[in-house]
Protein backbone atom coordinates (compact mmCIF):
# COMPACT_ATOMS: atom_id res chain seq x y z
CA MET A 1 0.00 0.00 0.00
CA ILE A 2 1.26 3.50 -0.74
CA ASP A 3 0.88 6.55 1.46
CA ASP A 4 -0.51 10.02 0.75
CA ILE A 5 2.89 11.46 -0.21
CA SER A 6 3.51 8.75 -2.80
CA LEU A 7 -0.01 9.24 -4.12
CA ASN A 8 0.69 12.96 -4.43
CA ILE A 9 3.92 12.21 -6.32
CA LEU A 10 1.97 10.00 -8.74
CA LYS A 11 -0.56 12.76 -9.35
CA ILE A 12 2.23 15.27 -10.05
CA LEU A 13 4.08 12.91 -12.42
CA GLN A 14 0.89 11.99 -14.24
CA GLU A 15 0.21 15.67 -14.88
CA LYS A 16 3.74 16.38 -16.15
CA ALA A 17 6.18 13.47 -16.36
CA ARG A 18 9.12 15.72 -17.25
CA ILE A 19 8.80 17.85 -14.13
CA PRO A 20 12.19 18.20 -12.43
CA ASN A 21 12.66 16.03 -9.36
CA VAL A 22 13.51 19.16 -7.36
CA GLU A 23 10.10 20.64 -8.20
CA VAL A 24 8.30 17.45 -7.19
CA ALA A 25 10.23 17.52 -3.91
CA ARG A 26 9.23 21.15 -3.34
CA GLN A 27 5.56 20.39 -3.97
CA VAL A 28 5.45 17.47 -1.54
CA GLY A 29 7.78 19.00 1.05
CA MET A 30 10.56 16.42 0.90
CA ALA A 31 14.24 16.26 -0.04
CA PRO A 32 14.88 15.54 -3.74
CA SER A 33 16.83 12.38 -2.88
CA ALA A 34 13.90 11.04 -0.85
CA VAL A 35 11.47 11.79 -3.71
CA LEU A 36 13.75 10.05 -6.21
CA GLU A 37 13.88 6.99 -3.94
CA ARG A 38 10.06 6.97 -3.67
CA ILE A 39 9.71 7.23 -7.46
CA ARG A 40 12.09 4.29 -7.96
CA LYS A 41 10.12 2.30 -5.37
CA LEU A 42 6.81 3.15 -7.12
CA GLU A 43 8.30 1.97 -10.42
CA LYS A 44 9.53 -1.27 -8.83
CA MET A 45 6.12 -1.86 -7.20
CA GLY A 46 4.40 -1.49 -10.57
CA TYR A 47 2.52 1.75 -9.91
CA ILE A 48 4.46 3.45 -12.72
CA ASP A 49 4.55 1.50 -15.99
CA GLY A 50 6.75 3.95 -17.90
CA TYR A 51 7.07 7.43 -19.32
CA GLU A 52 5.94 8.53 -22.78
CA VAL A 53 6.04 11.60 -24.94
CA ARG A 54 2.71 12.49 -26.54
CA LEU A 55 3.29 13.52 -30.14
CA ASN A 56 0.90 15.68 -32.13
CA PRO A 57 -0.64 13.25 -34.66
CA GLU A 58 -1.50 16.06 -37.10
CA ARG A 59 2.21 16.91 -37.48
CA PHE A 60 2.75 13.35 -38.72
CA GLY A 61 -0.32 13.18 -40.95
CA LYS A 62 -2.07 10.70 -38.67
CA SER A 63 -5.12 12.65 -37.58
CA GLN A 64 -7.78 10.13 -38.68
CA VAL A 65 -8.95 8.12 -35.67
CA ALA A 66 -11.30 5.17 -35.88
CA PHE A 67 -12.57 2.40 -33.65
CA ILE A 68 -12.85 -1.01 -35.24
CA GLN A 69 -14.91 -3.81 -33.76
CA VAL A 70 -13.38 -7.12 -34.79
CA ARG A 71 -15.73 -10.05 -34.48
CA THR A 72 -13.98 -13.38 -34.22
CA GLY A 73 -15.13 -16.94 -34.67
CA GLY A 74 -14.38 -20.33 -36.12
CA ALA A 75 -10.93 -21.82 -35.75
CA ILE A 76 -9.10 -18.96 -34.13
CA ASP A 77 -5.67 -18.65 -32.58
CA PRO A 78 -6.34 -15.75 -30.18
CA GLN A 79 -2.67 -15.21 -29.32
CA GLY A 80 -1.67 -15.24 -32.98
CA LEU A 81 -4.42 -12.80 -33.88
CA VAL A 82 -3.51 -10.46 -31.04
CA GLN A 83 0.20 -10.62 -31.95
CA THR A 84 -0.59 -9.75 -35.56
CA LEU A 85 -2.86 -6.86 -34.55
CA THR A 86 -0.31 -5.62 -32.04
CA ALA A 87 2.35 -5.53 -34.77
CA LEU A 88 0.31 -3.11 -36.89
CA PRO A 89 1.71 0.38 -36.17
CA GLN A 90 -1.66 2.01 -36.87
CA VAL A 91 -3.25 0.10 -33.98
CA GLN A 92 -2.92 2.15 -30.79
CA GLU A 93 -5.14 0.11 -28.49
CA ILE A 94 -6.56 -3.41 -28.44
CA HIS A 95 -9.32 -4.31 -26.01
CA TYR A 96 -10.89 -7.75 -25.59
CA VAL A 97 -14.58 -7.01 -25.08
CA ALA A 98 -17.69 -8.88 -24.02
CA GLY A 99 -20.53 -9.49 -26.43
CA GLN A 100 -20.44 -10.73 -29.98
CA ASP A 101 -17.41 -8.66 -30.94
CA GLY A 102 -14.13 -10.12 -29.79
CA TYR A 103 -11.87 -7.05 -29.92
CA LEU A 104 -12.18 -3.30 -30.07
CA LEU A 105 -9.27 -1.51 -31.74
CA LYS A 106 -8.37 2.14 -31.68
CA VAL A 107 -6.47 2.97 -34.85
CA ARG A 108 -4.89 6.09 -36.29
CA GLU A 109 -4.33 6.64 -40.01
CA THR A 110 -3.76 9.45 -42.50
CA ASP A 111 -7.29 9.51 -43.96
CA THR A 112 -10.35 7.38 -44.65
CA ARG A 113 -8.81 5.90 -47.80
CA ALA A 114 -5.78 4.61 -45.86
CA LEU A 115 -8.13 3.46 -43.10
CA GLY A 116 -10.13 1.46 -45.65
CA ARG A 117 -6.95 -0.20 -46.93
CA LEU A 118 -5.92 -1.06 -43.38
CA VAL A 119 -9.24 -2.76 -42.65
CA ARG A 120 -9.61 -4.44 -46.06
CA ASP A 121 -6.01 -5.59 -46.57
CA LYS A 122 -4.58 -6.13 -43.10
CA ILE A 123 -7.36 -6.75 -40.55
CA ALA A 124 -10.34 -8.37 -42.30
CA PRO A 125 -8.31 -11.16 -43.97
CA LEU A 126 -6.76 -12.36 -40.68
CA ASN A 127 -7.49 -15.93 -39.65
CA GLY A 128 -10.40 -15.95 -37.20
CA VAL A 129 -11.82 -12.55 -38.18
CA VAL A 130 -15.45 -13.03 -39.11
CA ALA A 131 -16.47 -9.39 -39.50
CA THR A 132 -15.37 -5.84 -38.77
CA HIS A 133 -17.34 -2.70 -38.03
CA THR A 134 -15.56 0.65 -38.24
CA THR A 135 -16.62 3.83 -36.49
CA ILE A 136 -14.83 6.89 -37.85
CA VAL A 137 -14.11 9.69 -35.40
CA MET A 138 -15.13 13.10 -36.72
CA ASN A 139 -13.57 15.16 -33.92
CA THR A 140 -11.84 14.23 -30.69
CA ILE A 141 -13.09 16.25 -27.73
CA LYS A 142 -11.00 14.61 -25.01
CA GLU A 143 -8.22 12.06 -25.17
CA THR A 144 -6.05 11.12 -22.24
CA ALA A 145 -4.16 8.20 -20.78
CA ARG A 146 -4.39 9.67 -17.28
CA ILE A 147 -5.99 7.58 -14.59
CA PRO A 148 -8.24 9.42 -12.11
CA ILE A 149 -6.76 8.74 -8.69
CA ASP A 150 -7.99 9.84 -5.30
CA ASP A 151 -6.95 9.03 -1.76
CA HIS A 152 -9.61 6.32 -1.50
CA ASP A 153 -8.19 4.61 -4.63
CA LEU A 154 -5.16 3.22 -2.82
CA MET A 155 -4.76 -0.49 -3.44
CA ASP A 156 -2.30 -3.10 -2.28
CA ALA A 157 0.58 -3.72 -4.66
């Protein structure tokens, strides 16, 4: 279990991962060396999975977002299918979902034409894929990887 100070450090890092350690220490009222030790401990305990830079997709011509429901059936190798989907650079997220659809993918492409090629040539022909249903995003209002955490959200490691 983590304490309130460690929880505060997680909130600060989630807001701005590149914040200097000295600034984190100032905000939580601790020595920088103690904060660094807590961060290393949080990483080791699995509370911090890693650090990423969020790139602007429009600067790379990848502003078209879509969600693709992939319905599976028949003779399927789930691990093989997931490995193949994971290897596609356009696929940002893969979720195994309940209901008739096996997986929900979040993909990012240049435009609808490229999106169509992705679905038609790389996803639909995969072994075990019975059908796909694509929802094209017109405009993204909010997109975040942040996890809402409060004091009552503390869980055992």
